[in-house]
Amino acid sequence: MGRLITILLVDDHELVRTGIRRILESSDEFQILGEASSGEEALDLVGKLRPAIVLMDVNMPGIGGIEATHRITHIHPEVKVIVVTVLSDAPFPRQLHDAGAMGYLTKGCPAEDMFQAIRSVFRGQPYISSEVARRRSLASLNGVDGDSPFNTLSQREMQVMMMIVQGQKTQDIADSLFLSPKTVSTYRQRLYSKLNVETDVELAHMALRYGLTGNIST
């Protein structure tokens, strides 16, 4: 057997982390180095623990999974990120690919899918779960691939949008993303224009309608 694949678990729900830990510990291929409940904590632990793989949730308080993935892959390019989310048909794969993620799984995937994703990404091969691939293929066959207005957003616009619909204040978003409040306000207006909404409430309703918020506020 080769060397153990070291892993950091990142999710704001302890129950989810516990479930994933138990699944991974059923195999002697993997070693869990630690757990984080936020993107900020993940950044700190990656620097300290240097795992080979990070299993990253998307919808978390603070900077969230997209920004955390971006920072981790830029600061520690040797660390590979696999996103694990409840959302199987949202336009996240493109934005997360832009952020540097190499794998994409849903939380309802079979354990073997998770094992295979970790093995593949560890070898440097991108991986997308069978459920996500199936939904995207069906969408493409039905001629609706790209219909979501959120597909037009850049990685940074998606990150700001997610933080807005979480109810985070302009100053908090600015502090988390190292931006000025004026720049955050500019992003907000750009989002309104691209998505044809006029308020944060309308933006949140649209995100909910397209399945982007999931259980984001829990």
N, C-alpha and C. Protein backbone atom coordinates (compact mmCIF):
# COMPACT_ATOMS: atom_id res chain seq x y z
N MET A 1 0.84 -1.19 0.00
CA MET A 1 0.00 0.00 0.00
C MET A 1 0.88 1.25 0.00
N GLY A 2 0.47 2.28 -0.77
CA GLY A 2 1.21 3.53 -0.82
C GLY A 2 0.99 4.34 0.45
N ARG A 3 1.58 5.54 0.45
CA ARG A 3 1.46 6.38 1.63
C ARG A 3 0.03 6.86 1.81
N LEU A 4 -0.31 7.17 3.06
CA LEU A 4 -1.66 7.63 3.37
C LEU A 4 -1.93 8.97 2.70
N ILE A 5 -3.16 9.16 2.27
CA ILE A 5 -3.59 10.45 1.72
C ILE A 5 -4.13 11.28 2.88
N THR A 6 -3.47 12.38 3.18
CA THR A 6 -3.86 13.20 4.33
C THR A 6 -4.93 14.20 3.92
N ILE A 7 -5.91 14.41 4.83
CA ILE A 7 -7.12 15.16 4.49
C ILE A 7 -7.49 16.13 5.60
N LEU A 8 -7.97 17.31 5.20
CA LEU A 8 -8.59 18.28 6.11
C LEU A 8 -10.06 18.38 5.74
N LEU A 9 -10.95 18.24 6.74
CA LEU A 9 -12.39 18.37 6.52
C LEU A 9 -12.84 19.78 6.86
N VAL A 10 -13.60 20.40 5.95
CA VAL A 10 -14.09 21.77 6.17
C VAL A 10 -15.59 21.83 5.95
N ASP A 11 -16.33 22.05 7.02
CA ASP A 11 -17.79 22.19 6.95
C ASP A 11 -18.26 22.85 8.23
N ASP A 12 -19.24 23.74 8.13
CA ASP A 12 -19.68 24.43 9.34
C ASP A 12 -20.64 23.61 10.18
N HIS A 13 -21.00 22.41 9.72
CA HIS A 13 -21.88 21.53 10.49
C HIS A 13 -21.07 20.36 11.05
N GLU A 14 -20.99 20.28 12.36
CA GLU A 14 -20.21 19.23 13.01
C GLU A 14 -20.71 17.84 12.64
N LEU A 15 -22.04 17.70 12.52
CA LEU A 15 -22.62 16.41 12.19
C LEU A 15 -22.15 15.93 10.82
N VAL A 16 -22.06 16.85 9.87
CA VAL A 16 -21.59 16.50 8.53
C VAL A 16 -20.12 16.07 8.58
N ARG A 17 -19.31 16.83 9.32
CA ARG A 17 -17.90 16.47 9.43
C ARG A 17 -17.73 15.09 10.06
N THR A 18 -18.54 14.83 11.09
CA THR A 18 -18.45 13.54 11.77
C THR A 18 -18.81 12.41 10.82
N GLY A 19 -19.86 12.62 10.02
CA GLY A 19 -20.28 11.60 9.06
C GLY A 19 -19.21 11.31 8.02
N ILE A 20 -18.62 12.38 7.47
CA ILE A 20 -17.58 12.19 6.46
C ILE A 20 -16.35 11.54 7.08
N ARG A 21 -16.00 11.96 8.30
CA ARG A 21 -14.84 11.36 8.99
C ARG A 21 -15.05 9.85 9.15
N ARG A 22 -16.23 9.44 9.56
CA ARG A 22 -16.48 8.01 9.77
C ARG A 22 -16.39 7.24 8.46
N ILE A 23 -16.89 7.84 7.37
CA ILE A 23 -16.80 7.19 6.07
C ILE A 23 -15.34 7.00 5.68
N LEU A 24 -14.55 8.07 5.81
CA LEU A 24 -13.15 8.00 5.39
C LEU A 24 -12.32 7.09 6.27
N GLU A 25 -12.64 7.07 7.57
CA GLU A 25 -11.88 6.23 8.48
C GLU A 25 -12.19 4.75 8.33
N SER A 26 -13.21 4.43 7.50
CA SER A 26 -13.50 3.03 7.22
C SER A 26 -12.49 2.45 6.22
N SER A 27 -11.69 3.33 5.61
CA SER A 27 -10.65 2.89 4.68
C SER A 27 -9.28 3.18 5.28
N ASP A 28 -8.34 2.29 5.04
CA ASP A 28 -6.98 2.50 5.57
C ASP A 28 -6.12 3.32 4.60
N GLU A 29 -6.75 3.92 3.57
CA GLU A 29 -6.01 4.74 2.62
C GLU A 29 -5.84 6.19 3.09
N PHE A 30 -6.71 6.61 4.03
CA PHE A 30 -6.82 8.03 4.34
C PHE A 30 -6.49 8.34 5.80
N GLN A 31 -5.95 9.53 6.02
CA GLN A 31 -5.68 10.01 7.37
C GLN A 31 -6.27 11.41 7.52
N ILE A 32 -7.18 11.60 8.48
CA ILE A 32 -7.79 12.89 8.74
C ILE A 32 -6.86 13.68 9.65
N LEU A 33 -6.32 14.78 9.16
CA LEU A 33 -5.39 15.58 9.96
C LEU A 33 -6.11 16.57 10.86
N GLY A 34 -7.31 16.99 10.46
CA GLY A 34 -8.03 17.97 11.26
C GLY A 34 -9.35 18.35 10.64
N GLU A 35 -10.08 19.22 11.34
CA GLU A 35 -11.39 19.69 10.89
C GLU A 35 -11.48 21.20 11.07
N ALA A 36 -12.18 21.85 10.17
CA ALA A 36 -12.41 23.29 10.26
C ALA A 36 -13.89 23.57 10.02
N SER A 37 -14.41 24.62 10.67
CA SER A 37 -15.83 24.95 10.54
C SER A 37 -16.06 26.22 9.73
N SER A 38 -15.00 26.79 9.16
CA SER A 38 -15.13 28.00 8.35
C SER A 38 -13.98 28.08 7.37
N GLY A 39 -14.14 28.94 6.36
CA GLY A 39 -13.06 29.13 5.41
C GLY A 39 -11.83 29.73 6.05
N GLU A 40 -12.05 30.66 6.99
CA GLU A 40 -10.93 31.28 7.68
C GLU A 40 -10.13 30.26 8.48
N GLU A 41 -10.84 29.39 9.19
CA GLU A 41 -10.17 28.35 9.98
C GLU A 41 -9.45 27.36 9.06
N ALA A 42 -10.04 27.08 7.91
CA ALA A 42 -9.42 26.17 6.96
C ALA A 42 -8.08 26.73 6.48
N LEU A 43 -8.04 28.03 6.17
CA LEU A 43 -6.80 28.65 5.73
C LEU A 43 -5.70 28.49 6.77
N ASP A 44 -6.06 28.71 8.02
CA ASP A 44 -5.09 28.59 9.11
C ASP A 44 -4.58 27.16 9.24
N LEU A 45 -5.50 26.19 9.20
CA LEU A 45 -5.11 24.80 9.39
C LEU A 45 -4.33 24.24 8.21
N VAL A 46 -4.66 24.68 7.00
CA VAL A 46 -3.89 24.23 5.84
C VAL A 46 -2.43 24.65 5.99
N GLY A 47 -2.22 25.88 6.45
CA GLY A 47 -0.85 26.35 6.66
C GLY A 47 -0.11 25.56 7.71
N LYS A 48 -0.83 25.12 8.74
CA LYS A 48 -0.19 24.39 9.84
C LYS A 48 -0.04 22.90 9.55
N LEU A 49 -1.06 22.29 8.93
CA LEU A 49 -1.09 20.85 8.78
C LEU A 49 -0.62 20.35 7.42
N ARG A 50 -0.71 21.19 6.41
CA ARG A 50 -0.33 20.85 5.03
C ARG A 50 -0.92 19.51 4.57
N PRO A 51 -2.23 19.40 4.54
CA PRO A 51 -2.85 18.17 4.04
C PRO A 51 -2.66 18.06 2.53
N ALA A 52 -2.78 16.85 2.03
CA ALA A 52 -2.73 16.65 0.58
C ALA A 52 -4.04 17.08 -0.06
N ILE A 53 -5.15 16.83 0.66
CA ILE A 53 -6.50 17.08 0.13
C ILE A 53 -7.31 17.87 1.15
N VAL A 54 -8.09 18.83 0.66
CA VAL A 54 -9.07 19.53 1.49
C VAL A 54 -10.45 19.21 0.94
N LEU A 55 -11.33 18.67 1.78
CA LEU A 55 -12.73 18.48 1.43
C LEU A 55 -13.48 19.71 1.91
N MET A 56 -13.97 20.52 0.98
CA MET A 56 -14.44 21.88 1.26
C MET A 56 -15.95 22.04 1.03
N ASP A 57 -16.65 22.49 2.07
CA ASP A 57 -18.05 22.89 1.90
C ASP A 57 -18.08 24.24 1.20
N VAL A 58 -19.20 24.58 0.56
CA VAL A 58 -19.33 25.86 -0.14
C VAL A 58 -20.04 26.88 0.72
N ASN A 59 -21.22 26.52 1.24
CA ASN A 59 -22.06 27.47 1.95
C ASN A 59 -21.70 27.51 3.43
N MET A 60 -20.82 28.44 3.79
CA MET A 60 -20.41 28.61 5.17
C MET A 60 -20.40 30.09 5.51
N PRO A 61 -20.54 30.44 6.79
CA PRO A 61 -20.42 31.84 7.19
C PRO A 61 -19.02 32.37 6.88
N GLY A 62 -18.87 33.68 6.87
CA GLY A 62 -17.57 34.27 6.60
C GLY A 62 -17.25 34.27 5.13
N ILE A 63 -16.00 33.98 4.78
CA ILE A 63 -15.60 34.05 3.38
C ILE A 63 -16.18 32.92 2.55
N GLY A 64 -16.61 31.84 3.18
CA GLY A 64 -17.23 30.73 2.44
C GLY A 64 -16.22 29.89 1.68
N GLY A 65 -16.76 28.87 1.00
CA GLY A 65 -15.90 27.89 0.36
C GLY A 65 -15.23 28.35 -0.92
N ILE A 66 -15.89 29.24 -1.69
CA ILE A 66 -15.29 29.68 -2.95
C ILE A 66 -14.02 30.48 -2.69
N GLU A 67 -14.12 31.48 -1.81
CA GLU A 67 -12.96 32.31 -1.51
C GLU A 67 -11.88 31.51 -0.80
N ALA A 68 -12.28 30.62 0.12
CA ALA A 68 -11.29 29.78 0.81
C ALA A 68 -10.54 28.90 -0.18
N THR A 69 -11.26 28.34 -1.14
CA THR A 69 -10.63 27.51 -2.17
C THR A 69 -9.63 28.34 -2.98
N HIS A 70 -10.05 29.53 -3.37
CA HIS A 70 -9.17 30.42 -4.14
C HIS A 70 -7.88 30.72 -3.38
N ARG A 71 -8.01 31.06 -2.10
CA ARG A 71 -6.82 31.44 -1.32
C ARG A 71 -5.91 30.23 -1.08
N ILE A 72 -6.52 29.10 -0.74
CA ILE A 72 -5.72 27.90 -0.46
C ILE A 72 -4.92 27.49 -1.69
N THR A 73 -5.57 27.45 -2.86
CA THR A 73 -4.89 26.96 -4.06
C THR A 73 -3.83 27.95 -4.56
N HIS A 74 -3.97 29.22 -4.20
CA HIS A 74 -2.96 30.19 -4.60
C HIS A 74 -1.79 30.24 -3.62
N ILE A 75 -2.09 30.12 -2.33
CA ILE A 75 -1.03 30.18 -1.32
C ILE A 75 -0.31 28.84 -1.20
N HIS A 76 -1.08 27.76 -1.33
CA HIS A 76 -0.52 26.40 -1.19
C HIS A 76 -0.89 25.58 -2.43
N PRO A 77 -0.26 25.82 -3.56
CA PRO A 77 -0.66 25.15 -4.81
C PRO A 77 -0.50 23.63 -4.77
N GLU A 78 0.29 23.13 -3.82
CA GLU A 78 0.45 21.68 -3.71
C GLU A 78 -0.76 21.02 -3.05
N VAL A 79 -1.59 21.81 -2.37
CA VAL A 79 -2.79 21.28 -1.70
C VAL A 79 -3.95 21.28 -2.68
N LYS A 80 -4.64 20.15 -2.79
CA LYS A 80 -5.72 20.02 -3.76
C LYS A 80 -7.07 20.06 -3.04
N VAL A 81 -8.02 20.78 -3.63
CA VAL A 81 -9.34 20.99 -3.01
C VAL A 81 -10.42 20.23 -3.77
N ILE A 82 -11.23 19.50 -3.01
CA ILE A 82 -12.44 18.86 -3.53
C ILE A 82 -13.63 19.50 -2.82
N VAL A 83 -14.55 20.03 -3.59
CA VAL A 83 -15.74 20.66 -3.01
C VAL A 83 -16.81 19.61 -2.76
N VAL A 84 -17.41 19.67 -1.57
CA VAL A 84 -18.49 18.76 -1.20
C VAL A 84 -19.69 19.62 -0.82
N THR A 85 -20.77 19.52 -1.58
CA THR A 85 -21.90 20.42 -1.39
C THR A 85 -23.23 19.70 -1.52
N VAL A 86 -24.29 20.30 -0.99
CA VAL A 86 -25.62 19.73 -1.15
C VAL A 86 -26.19 20.03 -2.52
N LEU A 87 -25.58 20.96 -3.26
CA LEU A 87 -26.12 21.44 -4.52
C LEU A 87 -25.54 20.65 -5.68
N SER A 88 -26.41 19.93 -6.41
CA SER A 88 -25.92 19.09 -7.50
C SER A 88 -26.17 19.69 -8.88
N ASP A 89 -26.99 20.73 -8.97
CA ASP A 89 -27.31 21.25 -10.30
C ASP A 89 -27.14 22.77 -10.36
N ALA A 90 -26.38 23.34 -9.44
CA ALA A 90 -26.13 24.78 -9.46
C ALA A 90 -24.92 25.07 -10.35
N PRO A 91 -24.72 26.35 -10.74
CA PRO A 91 -23.61 26.68 -11.61
C PRO A 91 -22.29 26.83 -10.87
N PHE A 92 -22.09 26.02 -9.82
CA PHE A 92 -20.86 26.14 -9.05
C PHE A 92 -19.63 25.54 -9.72
N PRO A 93 -19.76 24.42 -10.46
CA PRO A 93 -18.52 23.83 -10.97
C PRO A 93 -17.62 24.80 -11.73
N ARG A 94 -18.17 25.70 -12.55
CA ARG A 94 -17.32 26.62 -13.31
C ARG A 94 -16.62 27.60 -12.37
N GLN A 95 -17.37 28.22 -11.46
CA GLN A 95 -16.76 29.19 -10.55
C GLN A 95 -15.73 28.52 -9.64
N LEU A 96 -16.03 27.31 -9.20
CA LEU A 96 -15.11 26.62 -8.33
C LEU A 96 -13.88 26.13 -9.08
N HIS A 97 -14.07 25.76 -10.34
CA HIS A 97 -12.92 25.42 -11.17
C HIS A 97 -12.02 26.65 -11.33
N ASP A 98 -12.65 27.81 -11.55
CA ASP A 98 -11.88 29.05 -11.66
C ASP A 98 -11.12 29.35 -10.37
N ALA A 99 -11.71 28.96 -9.23
CA ALA A 99 -11.07 29.20 -7.94
C ALA A 99 -9.94 28.22 -7.66
N GLY A 100 -9.88 27.14 -8.43
CA GLY A 100 -8.80 26.19 -8.26
C GLY A 100 -9.20 24.82 -7.78
N ALA A 101 -10.50 24.58 -7.57
CA ALA A 101 -10.95 23.26 -7.11
C ALA A 101 -10.71 22.21 -8.20
N MET A 102 -10.33 21.01 -7.78
CA MET A 102 -10.07 19.93 -8.74
C MET A 102 -11.14 18.85 -8.70
N GLY A 103 -12.03 18.91 -7.70
CA GLY A 103 -13.07 17.90 -7.60
C GLY A 103 -14.36 18.49 -7.12
N TYR A 104 -15.48 17.83 -7.44
CA TYR A 104 -16.80 18.33 -7.08
C TYR A 104 -17.69 17.15 -6.75
N LEU A 105 -18.15 17.08 -5.48
CA LEU A 105 -19.01 16.01 -5.01
C LEU A 105 -20.26 16.57 -4.35
N THR A 106 -21.32 15.77 -4.31
CA THR A 106 -22.49 16.14 -3.52
C THR A 106 -22.47 15.33 -2.23
N LYS A 107 -23.09 15.89 -1.19
CA LYS A 107 -23.07 15.23 0.12
C LYS A 107 -23.87 13.93 0.13
N GLY A 108 -24.70 13.73 -0.89
CA GLY A 108 -25.46 12.49 -0.96
C GLY A 108 -24.81 11.42 -1.82
N CYS A 109 -23.56 11.65 -2.22
CA CYS A 109 -22.90 10.68 -3.10
C CYS A 109 -22.54 9.41 -2.34
N PRO A 110 -22.42 8.28 -3.04
CA PRO A 110 -21.97 7.05 -2.39
C PRO A 110 -20.55 7.20 -1.85
N ALA A 111 -20.23 6.43 -0.82
CA ALA A 111 -18.89 6.49 -0.24
C ALA A 111 -17.81 6.21 -1.28
N GLU A 112 -18.07 5.28 -2.18
CA GLU A 112 -17.06 4.92 -3.18
C GLU A 112 -16.77 6.10 -4.12
N ASP A 113 -17.79 6.94 -4.38
CA ASP A 113 -17.55 8.14 -5.19
C ASP A 113 -16.56 9.07 -4.49
N MET A 114 -16.74 9.22 -3.17
CA MET A 114 -15.82 10.07 -2.42
C MET A 114 -14.41 9.49 -2.43
N PHE A 115 -14.30 8.18 -2.22
CA PHE A 115 -12.99 7.54 -2.26
C PHE A 115 -12.32 7.76 -3.62
N GLN A 116 -13.10 7.54 -4.68
CA GLN A 116 -12.54 7.67 -6.03
C GLN A 116 -12.13 9.10 -6.32
N ALA A 117 -12.94 10.07 -5.84
CA ALA A 117 -12.60 11.48 -6.04
C ALA A 117 -11.27 11.81 -5.38
N ILE A 118 -11.10 11.36 -4.15
CA ILE A 118 -9.86 11.65 -3.42
C ILE A 118 -8.67 11.01 -4.12
N ARG A 119 -8.82 9.75 -4.53
CA ARG A 119 -7.72 9.07 -5.22
C ARG A 119 -7.35 9.81 -6.52
N SER A 120 -8.37 10.17 -7.29
CA SER A 120 -8.13 10.82 -8.59
C SER A 120 -7.46 12.17 -8.42
N VAL A 121 -8.01 12.99 -7.53
CA VAL A 121 -7.48 14.33 -7.33
C VAL A 121 -6.07 14.26 -6.74
N PHE A 122 -5.84 13.31 -5.86
CA PHE A 122 -4.50 13.12 -5.29
C PHE A 122 -3.48 12.84 -6.38
N ARG A 123 -3.92 12.12 -7.43
CA ARG A 123 -3.03 11.83 -8.57
C ARG A 123 -2.95 12.99 -9.56
N GLY A 124 -3.69 14.08 -9.27
CA GLY A 124 -3.67 15.23 -10.16
C GLY A 124 -4.71 15.21 -11.25
N GLN A 125 -5.70 14.31 -11.12
CA GLN A 125 -6.75 14.18 -12.13
C GLN A 125 -8.06 14.79 -11.61
N PRO A 126 -8.65 15.73 -12.34
CA PRO A 126 -9.93 16.33 -11.90
C PRO A 126 -11.01 15.27 -11.78
N TYR A 127 -11.99 15.54 -10.91
CA TYR A 127 -13.08 14.58 -10.69
C TYR A 127 -14.38 15.33 -10.46
N ILE A 128 -15.44 14.87 -11.11
CA ILE A 128 -16.78 15.40 -10.86
C ILE A 128 -17.70 14.22 -10.60
N SER A 129 -18.55 14.32 -9.59
CA SER A 129 -19.37 13.18 -9.18
C SER A 129 -20.32 12.76 -10.28
N SER A 130 -20.71 11.50 -10.25
CA SER A 130 -21.60 10.96 -11.28
C SER A 130 -22.94 11.68 -11.27
N GLU A 131 -23.44 12.08 -10.11
CA GLU A 131 -24.73 12.77 -10.03
C GLU A 131 -24.65 14.14 -10.68
N VAL A 132 -23.58 14.89 -10.40
CA VAL A 132 -23.42 16.21 -11.02
C VAL A 132 -23.26 16.05 -12.52
N ALA A 133 -22.44 15.09 -12.95
CA ALA A 133 -22.22 14.88 -14.38
C ALA A 133 -23.52 14.51 -15.07
N ARG A 134 -24.33 13.65 -14.42
CA ARG A 134 -25.60 13.24 -15.02
C ARG A 134 -26.53 14.43 -15.20
N ARG A 135 -26.66 15.26 -14.18
CA ARG A 135 -27.56 16.41 -14.26
C ARG A 135 -27.08 17.39 -15.33
N ARG A 136 -25.77 17.62 -15.40
CA ARG A 136 -25.26 18.56 -16.39
C ARG A 136 -25.42 18.02 -17.80
N SER A 137 -25.29 16.71 -17.97
CA SER A 137 -25.49 16.09 -19.28
C SER A 137 -26.94 16.20 -19.72
N LEU A 138 -27.86 15.95 -18.78
CA LEU A 138 -29.28 16.07 -19.09
C LEU A 138 -29.64 17.51 -19.46
N ALA A 139 -29.08 18.45 -18.71
CA ALA A 139 -29.35 19.86 -19.00
C ALA A 139 -28.87 20.22 -20.40
N SER A 140 -27.69 19.71 -20.74
CA SER A 140 -27.13 19.99 -22.06
C SER A 140 -27.99 19.37 -23.16
N LEU A 141 -28.43 18.12 -22.95
CA LEU A 141 -29.27 17.44 -23.93
C LEU A 141 -30.60 18.14 -24.12
N ASN A 142 -31.11 18.73 -23.02
CA ASN A 142 -32.39 19.42 -23.08
C ASN A 142 -32.27 20.85 -23.56
N GLY A 143 -31.05 21.25 -23.86
CA GLY A 143 -30.84 22.59 -24.39
C GLY A 143 -30.93 23.68 -23.35
N VAL A 144 -30.77 23.35 -22.06
CA VAL A 144 -30.90 24.37 -21.02
C VAL A 144 -29.58 24.64 -20.32
N ASP A 145 -28.52 24.00 -20.77
CA ASP A 145 -27.21 24.23 -20.16
C ASP A 145 -26.84 25.70 -20.31
N GLY A 146 -26.55 26.34 -19.19
CA GLY A 146 -26.19 27.75 -19.23
C GLY A 146 -27.38 28.67 -19.07
N ASP A 147 -28.60 28.13 -18.90
CA ASP A 147 -29.78 28.97 -18.75
C ASP A 147 -29.78 29.76 -17.45
N SER A 148 -29.12 29.27 -16.41
CA SER A 148 -29.11 29.99 -15.15
C SER A 148 -28.40 31.31 -15.31
N PRO A 149 -29.02 32.41 -14.85
CA PRO A 149 -28.36 33.71 -14.95
C PRO A 149 -27.07 33.78 -14.14
N PHE A 150 -26.94 32.90 -13.15
CA PHE A 150 -25.74 32.90 -12.32
C PHE A 150 -24.51 32.40 -13.08
N ASN A 151 -24.74 31.73 -14.22
CA ASN A 151 -23.61 31.28 -15.03
C ASN A 151 -22.82 32.45 -15.61
N THR A 152 -23.43 33.63 -15.64
CA THR A 152 -22.74 34.80 -16.20
C THR A 152 -21.80 35.46 -15.19
N LEU A 153 -21.86 35.04 -13.93
CA LEU A 153 -21.07 35.69 -12.89
C LEU A 153 -19.63 35.18 -12.87
N SER A 154 -18.72 36.08 -12.55
CA SER A 154 -17.33 35.69 -12.33
C SER A 154 -17.21 35.02 -10.97
N GLN A 155 -16.05 34.45 -10.71
CA GLN A 155 -15.80 33.83 -9.40
C GLN A 155 -15.99 34.84 -8.27
N ARG A 156 -15.44 36.04 -8.42
CA ARG A 156 -15.55 37.06 -7.38
C ARG A 156 -16.99 37.54 -7.22
N GLU A 157 -17.70 37.72 -8.33
CA GLU A 157 -19.10 38.14 -8.26
C GLU A 157 -19.94 37.09 -7.54
N MET A 158 -19.68 35.81 -7.83
CA MET A 158 -20.41 34.74 -7.15
C MET A 158 -20.13 34.77 -5.65
N GLN A 159 -18.86 34.99 -5.28
CA GLN A 159 -18.50 35.04 -3.87
C GLN A 159 -19.23 36.18 -3.16
N VAL A 160 -19.21 37.38 -3.75
CA VAL A 160 -19.89 38.52 -3.14
C VAL A 160 -21.39 38.26 -3.05
N MET A 161 -21.95 37.67 -4.10
CA MET A 161 -23.37 37.36 -4.10
C MET A 161 -23.73 36.43 -2.95
N MET A 162 -22.92 35.37 -2.76
CA MET A 162 -23.21 34.42 -1.69
C MET A 162 -23.15 35.09 -0.32
N MET A 163 -22.22 36.01 -0.14
CA MET A 163 -22.09 36.69 1.15
C MET A 163 -23.24 37.67 1.37
N ILE A 164 -23.71 38.30 0.30
CA ILE A 164 -24.87 39.19 0.42
C ILE A 164 -26.11 38.43 0.83
N VAL A 165 -26.37 37.28 0.18
CA VAL A 165 -27.59 36.54 0.49
C VAL A 165 -27.50 35.87 1.86
N GLN A 166 -26.29 35.75 2.41
CA GLN A 166 -26.14 35.29 3.78
C GLN A 166 -26.50 36.39 4.78
N GLY A 167 -26.69 37.61 4.28
CA GLY A 167 -27.03 38.73 5.15
C GLY A 167 -25.84 39.47 5.70
N GLN A 168 -24.64 39.23 5.15
CA GLN A 168 -23.45 39.91 5.65
C GLN A 168 -23.45 41.37 5.21
N LYS A 169 -22.99 42.24 6.09
CA LYS A 169 -22.95 43.68 5.84
C LYS A 169 -21.81 44.02 4.88
N THR A 170 -21.96 45.18 4.23
CA THR A 170 -20.95 45.62 3.26
C THR A 170 -19.56 45.68 3.87
N GLN A 171 -19.44 46.25 5.06
CA GLN A 171 -18.13 46.37 5.70
C GLN A 171 -17.55 45.00 6.03
N ASP A 172 -18.39 44.06 6.48
CA ASP A 172 -17.91 42.72 6.80
C ASP A 172 -17.41 42.01 5.55
N ILE A 173 -18.16 42.16 4.44
CA ILE A 173 -17.73 41.56 3.18
C ILE A 173 -16.40 42.16 2.74
N ALA A 174 -16.30 43.49 2.85
CA ALA A 174 -15.07 44.17 2.46
C ALA A 174 -13.89 43.68 3.28
N ASP A 175 -14.08 43.55 4.60
CA ASP A 175 -13.00 43.10 5.47
C ASP A 175 -12.58 41.67 5.14
N SER A 176 -13.55 40.79 4.89
CA SER A 176 -13.26 39.39 4.61
C SER A 176 -12.52 39.20 3.30
N LEU A 177 -12.87 40.00 2.29
CA LEU A 177 -12.31 39.82 0.95
C LEU A 177 -11.19 40.81 0.63
N PHE A 178 -10.79 41.60 1.64
CA PHE A 178 -9.73 42.59 1.45
C PHE A 178 -10.07 43.58 0.34
N LEU A 179 -11.31 44.05 0.37
CA LEU A 179 -11.79 45.03 -0.58
C LEU A 179 -12.23 46.28 0.17
N SER A 180 -12.41 47.38 -0.54
CA SER A 180 -12.99 48.57 0.08
C SER A 180 -14.51 48.44 0.05
N PRO A 181 -15.20 49.08 0.98
CA PRO A 181 -16.67 49.07 0.94
C PRO A 181 -17.21 49.59 -0.39
N LYS A 182 -16.53 50.58 -0.96
CA LYS A 182 -16.96 51.11 -2.25
C LYS A 182 -16.91 50.04 -3.34
N THR A 183 -15.85 49.22 -3.31
CA THR A 183 -15.73 48.15 -4.30
C THR A 183 -16.83 47.11 -4.12
N VAL A 184 -17.14 46.78 -2.86
CA VAL A 184 -18.24 45.84 -2.59
C VAL A 184 -19.55 46.41 -3.12
N SER A 185 -19.79 47.69 -2.91
CA SER A 185 -21.01 48.33 -3.42
C SER A 185 -21.06 48.29 -4.94
N THR A 186 -19.90 48.43 -5.58
CA THR A 186 -19.83 48.34 -7.04
C THR A 186 -20.20 46.93 -7.49
N TYR A 187 -19.68 45.92 -6.78
CA TYR A 187 -20.04 44.54 -7.10
C TYR A 187 -21.55 44.32 -6.93
N ARG A 188 -22.11 44.88 -5.86
CA ARG A 188 -23.55 44.73 -5.62
C ARG A 188 -24.35 45.29 -6.79
N GLN A 189 -24.00 46.48 -7.25
CA GLN A 189 -24.72 47.09 -8.37
C GLN A 189 -24.53 46.29 -9.66
N ARG A 190 -23.34 45.73 -9.82
CA ARG A 190 -23.08 44.89 -11.01
C ARG A 190 -23.95 43.64 -10.97
N LEU A 191 -24.09 43.06 -9.77
CA LEU A 191 -24.95 41.89 -9.61
C LEU A 191 -26.40 42.23 -9.93
N TYR A 192 -26.87 43.36 -9.40
CA TYR A 192 -28.24 43.80 -9.68
C TYR A 192 -28.46 43.89 -11.20
N SER A 193 -27.47 44.48 -11.89
CA SER A 193 -27.62 44.69 -13.33
C SER A 193 -27.60 43.36 -14.09
N LYS A 194 -26.65 42.49 -13.76
CA LYS A 194 -26.53 41.22 -14.47
C LYS A 194 -27.72 40.31 -14.23
N LEU A 195 -28.25 40.35 -13.01
CA LEU A 195 -29.33 39.43 -12.63
C LEU A 195 -30.71 40.07 -12.71
N ASN A 196 -30.74 41.35 -13.09
CA ASN A 196 -32.00 42.06 -13.27
C ASN A 196 -32.85 42.08 -12.00
N VAL A 197 -32.20 42.44 -10.89
CA VAL A 197 -32.90 42.62 -9.62
C VAL A 197 -32.58 44.01 -9.09
N GLU A 198 -33.34 44.45 -8.08
CA GLU A 198 -33.16 45.81 -7.58
C GLU A 198 -32.81 45.87 -6.10
N THR A 199 -32.96 44.77 -5.38
CA THR A 199 -32.68 44.78 -3.94
C THR A 199 -31.99 43.48 -3.53
N ASP A 200 -31.41 43.48 -2.33
CA ASP A 200 -30.81 42.27 -1.78
C ASP A 200 -31.85 41.18 -1.57
N VAL A 201 -33.06 41.58 -1.23
CA VAL A 201 -34.14 40.60 -1.01
C VAL A 201 -34.45 39.88 -2.32
N GLU A 202 -34.55 40.63 -3.41
CA GLU A 202 -34.80 40.00 -4.71
C GLU A 202 -33.64 39.10 -5.11
N LEU A 203 -32.43 39.53 -4.78
CA LEU A 203 -31.25 38.72 -5.08
C LEU A 203 -31.30 37.40 -4.31
N ALA A 204 -31.68 37.47 -3.03
CA ALA A 204 -31.78 36.27 -2.20
C ALA A 204 -32.86 35.33 -2.72
N HIS A 205 -34.00 35.90 -3.15
CA HIS A 205 -35.08 35.08 -3.68
C HIS A 205 -34.65 34.37 -4.97
N MET A 206 -33.90 35.07 -5.81
CA MET A 206 -33.42 34.45 -7.04
C MET A 206 -32.43 33.33 -6.72
N ALA A 207 -31.55 33.57 -5.78
CA ALA A 207 -30.58 32.54 -5.39
C ALA A 207 -31.31 31.31 -4.86
N LEU A 208 -32.35 31.53 -4.08
CA LEU A 208 -33.13 30.42 -3.55
C LEU A 208 -33.84 29.67 -4.67
N ARG A 209 -34.38 30.42 -5.63
CA ARG A 209 -35.12 29.81 -6.73
C ARG A 209 -34.22 28.91 -7.58
N TYR A 210 -32.97 29.30 -7.73
CA TYR A 210 -32.04 28.50 -8.52
C TYR A 210 -31.25 27.50 -7.68
N GLY A 211 -31.62 27.36 -6.42
CA GLY A 211 -31.01 26.34 -5.57
C GLY A 211 -29.62 26.66 -5.08
N LEU A 212 -29.24 27.96 -5.08
CA LEU A 212 -27.90 28.31 -4.66
C LEU A 212 -27.74 28.49 -3.17
N THR A 213 -28.83 28.78 -2.46
CA THR A 213 -28.69 29.05 -1.05
C THR A 213 -28.76 27.80 -0.22
N GLY A 214 -29.44 26.77 -0.68
CA GLY A 214 -29.55 25.54 0.10
C GLY A 214 -29.99 25.86 1.52
N ASN A 215 -29.24 25.33 2.53
CA ASN A 215 -29.53 25.65 3.93
C ASN A 215 -28.51 26.65 4.43
N ILE A 216 -28.26 27.67 3.63
CA ILE A 216 -27.16 28.60 3.88
C ILE A 216 -27.25 29.32 5.21
N SER A 217 -28.45 29.54 5.70
CA SER A 217 -28.59 30.32 6.93
C SER A 217 -28.62 29.46 8.17
N THR A 218 -28.50 28.16 8.03
CA THR A 218 -28.58 27.29 9.19
C THR A 218 -27.21 27.04 9.75
